[in-house]
N, C-alpha and C. Protein backbone atom coordinates (compact mmCIF):
# COMPACT_ATOMS: atom_id res chain seq x y z
N UNK A 1 0.78 -1.21 0.16
CA UNK A 1 0.01 0.07 -0.01
C UNK A 1 0.85 1.30 0.00
N UNK A 2 1.85 1.32 0.88
CA UNK A 2 2.64 2.55 0.89
C UNK A 2 3.53 2.65 -0.33
N UNK A 3 3.82 1.56 -1.05
CA UNK A 3 4.66 1.57 -2.31
C UNK A 3 3.77 2.39 -3.34
N UNK A 4 2.47 2.31 -3.45
CA UNK A 4 1.55 2.86 -4.34
C UNK A 4 1.54 4.28 -3.99
N UNK A 5 1.44 4.80 -2.72
CA UNK A 5 1.51 6.15 -2.44
C UNK A 5 2.71 6.82 -2.65
N UNK A 6 3.79 6.12 -2.22
CA UNK A 6 5.07 6.80 -2.45
C UNK A 6 5.49 6.93 -3.83
N UNK A 7 5.16 6.04 -4.72
CA UNK A 7 5.39 6.03 -5.97
C UNK A 7 4.56 7.29 -6.74
N UNK A 8 3.38 7.36 -6.41
CA UNK A 8 2.61 8.60 -6.84
C UNK A 8 3.31 10.00 -6.48
N UNK A 9 3.54 9.97 -5.02
CA UNK A 9 4.16 11.28 -4.65
C UNK A 9 5.49 11.59 -5.11
N UNK A 10 6.39 10.57 -5.75
CA UNK A 10 7.64 11.02 -6.34
C UNK A 10 7.47 11.66 -7.60
N UNK A 11 6.04 11.51 -8.16
CA UNK A 11 5.95 12.09 -9.54
C UNK A 11 5.68 13.61 -9.42
N UNK A 12 5.29 14.16 -8.23
CA UNK A 12 4.72 15.45 -8.10
C UNK A 12 5.94 16.26 -7.84
N UNK A 13 5.99 17.33 -8.56
CA UNK A 13 7.05 18.27 -8.37
C UNK A 13 6.80 19.17 -7.20
N UNK A 14 7.79 19.37 -6.59
CA UNK A 14 7.67 20.23 -5.22
C UNK A 14 6.93 19.61 -4.04
N UNK A 15 6.83 18.18 -4.09
CA UNK A 15 5.97 17.63 -2.95
C UNK A 15 6.83 17.55 -1.67
N UNK A 16 8.09 17.81 -1.67
CA UNK A 16 8.98 17.80 -0.48
C UNK A 16 8.64 18.84 0.49
N UNK A 17 8.02 19.98 0.02
CA UNK A 17 7.86 21.14 0.75
C UNK A 17 6.58 20.79 1.81
N UNK A 18 5.82 19.97 1.43
CA UNK A 18 4.52 19.85 2.22
C UNK A 18 5.14 19.22 3.75
N UNK A 19 5.99 18.27 3.91
CA UNK A 19 6.38 17.90 5.20
C UNK A 19 7.08 19.07 5.95
N UNK A 20 7.78 19.93 5.26
CA UNK A 20 8.39 21.06 5.86
C UNK A 20 7.42 22.18 6.43
N UNK A 21 6.19 22.20 5.69
CA UNK A 21 5.26 23.07 6.12
C UNK A 21 4.45 22.55 7.36
N UNK A 22 4.17 21.37 7.20
CA UNK A 22 3.49 20.79 8.34
C UNK A 22 4.37 20.73 9.60
N UNK A 23 5.54 20.56 9.63
CA UNK A 23 6.45 20.77 10.65
C UNK A 23 6.58 22.08 11.20
N UNK A 24 6.50 22.91 10.51
CA UNK A 24 6.53 24.48 10.71
C UNK A 24 5.29 24.68 11.50
N UNK A 25 4.12 24.26 11.00
CA UNK A 25 2.91 24.56 11.64
C UNK A 25 2.86 23.84 12.96
N UNK A 26 3.19 22.63 13.10
CA UNK A 26 3.33 21.88 14.33
C UNK A 26 4.20 22.77 15.32
N UNK A 27 5.37 23.10 14.94
CA UNK A 27 6.29 23.71 15.73
C UNK A 27 5.86 25.03 16.27
N UNK A 28 5.15 26.05 15.31
CA UNK A 28 4.68 27.21 15.90
C UNK A 28 3.56 27.20 16.70
N UNK A 29 2.63 26.23 16.46
CA UNK A 29 1.57 25.97 17.36
C UNK A 29 1.92 25.75 18.63
N UNK A 30 2.80 24.89 19.03
CA UNK A 30 3.35 24.59 20.23
C UNK A 30 4.18 25.38 20.96
N UNK A 31 4.78 26.23 20.09
CA UNK A 31 5.87 27.36 20.63
C UNK A 31 4.67 28.51 21.18
N UNK A 32 3.83 28.64 20.36
CA UNK A 32 2.86 29.69 20.67
C UNK A 32 2.26 29.15 21.87
N UNK A 33 1.67 28.01 22.11
CA UNK A 33 1.07 27.42 23.19
C UNK A 33 1.97 27.33 24.42
N UNK A 34 3.25 27.23 24.33
CA UNK A 34 4.23 27.22 25.39
C UNK A 34 4.30 28.64 25.91
N UNK A 35 4.45 29.62 24.91
CA UNK A 35 4.63 31.15 25.26
C UNK A 35 3.42 31.62 25.96
N UNK A 36 2.10 31.14 25.45
CA UNK A 36 0.82 31.68 26.23
C UNK A 36 0.81 31.10 27.63
N UNK A 37 1.42 29.74 27.79
CA UNK A 37 1.08 29.19 29.13
C UNK A 37 2.13 29.88 30.20
N UNK A 38 3.19 30.54 29.73
CA UNK A 38 4.37 31.09 30.58
C UNK A 38 3.84 32.65 30.76
N UNK A 39 2.93 33.22 29.94
CA UNK A 39 2.71 34.61 30.07
C UNK A 39 1.21 34.71 30.56
N UNK A 40 0.56 33.65 30.80
CA UNK A 40 -0.84 34.02 31.11
C UNK A 40 -0.94 34.45 32.45
N UNK A 41 -1.85 35.19 32.89
CA UNK A 41 -2.06 35.55 34.14
C UNK A 41 -2.55 34.55 35.10
N UNK A 42 -1.83 34.50 36.36
CA UNK A 42 -2.24 33.64 37.38
C UNK A 42 -3.74 33.59 37.75
N UNK A 43 -4.23 34.80 37.80
CA UNK A 43 -5.67 34.72 38.12
C UNK A 43 -6.54 33.97 37.19
N UNK A 44 -6.19 34.25 35.80
CA UNK A 44 -6.86 33.42 34.92
C UNK A 44 -6.71 32.01 34.97
N UNK A 45 -5.62 31.40 35.08
CA UNK A 45 -5.20 30.21 35.19
C UNK A 45 -6.00 29.54 36.52
N UNK A 46 -6.08 30.24 37.68
CA UNK A 46 -6.78 29.76 38.85
C UNK A 46 -8.19 29.75 38.53
N UNK A 47 -8.78 30.75 37.90
CA UNK A 47 -10.14 30.70 37.70
C UNK A 47 -10.61 29.61 36.64
N UNK A 48 -10.07 29.32 35.52
CA UNK A 48 -10.10 28.12 34.68
C UNK A 48 -9.97 26.83 35.41
N UNK A 49 -8.86 26.73 36.12
CA UNK A 49 -8.72 25.47 36.87
C UNK A 49 -9.86 24.98 37.77
N UNK A 50 -10.66 26.07 38.38
CA UNK A 50 -11.69 25.71 39.07
C UNK A 50 -13.00 25.47 38.47
N UNK A 51 -13.16 25.67 37.23
CA UNK A 51 -14.31 25.57 36.73
C UNK A 51 -14.94 23.99 36.69
N UNK A 52 -14.14 22.98 36.70
CA UNK A 52 -14.75 21.62 36.84
C UNK A 52 -15.19 21.37 38.41
N UNK A 53 -14.73 22.09 39.30
CA UNK A 53 -15.09 22.12 40.68
C UNK A 53 -16.42 22.78 41.04
N UNK A 54 -16.86 23.71 40.25
CA UNK A 54 -17.99 24.50 40.53
C UNK A 54 -19.31 23.74 40.40
N UNK A 55 -20.16 23.96 41.11
CA UNK A 55 -21.53 23.27 41.08
C UNK A 55 -22.71 24.21 40.37
N UNK A 56 -22.31 24.75 39.47
CA UNK A 56 -23.34 25.85 38.76
C UNK A 56 -23.88 25.23 37.43
N UNK A 57 -24.08 23.97 37.42
CA UNK A 57 -24.61 23.21 36.29
C UNK A 57 -26.01 23.61 36.00
N UNK A 58 -26.31 23.86 34.54
CA UNK A 58 -27.56 24.14 34.06
C UNK A 58 -28.21 22.86 33.47
N UNK A 59 -29.27 22.47 33.88
CA UNK A 59 -30.09 21.30 33.45
C UNK A 59 -31.49 21.95 32.88
N UNK A 60 -31.59 21.77 31.48
CA UNK A 60 -32.75 22.55 30.95
C UNK A 60 -34.13 21.92 31.27
N UNK A 61 -34.13 20.55 31.58
CA UNK A 61 -35.43 19.76 31.99
C UNK A 61 -35.87 19.83 33.53
N UNK A 62 -35.18 20.51 34.30
CA UNK A 62 -35.40 20.49 35.73
C UNK A 62 -35.48 21.85 36.24
N UNK A 63 -36.66 21.92 37.15
CA UNK A 63 -36.73 23.43 37.73
C UNK A 63 -36.19 23.58 39.03
N UNK A 64 -35.54 24.57 39.48
CA UNK A 64 -34.87 24.78 40.72
C UNK A 64 -36.07 25.27 41.51
N UNK A 65 -36.14 24.88 42.78
CA UNK A 65 -37.13 25.10 43.74
C UNK A 65 -36.76 26.21 44.79
């Protein structure tokens, strides 16, 4: 199976640029995420980390008494 794909890709001019582009996108995304994590405000991180612990769930089929 891989032999058929590799054979077809070898016939395309400039196909070697696509792995480099995908690597750059991958690297830039995680570098940006890394930068955001270290520059984010501590209050925002604390607020977001407490979201799963809050009990303010809204259920549309039940009425609060």
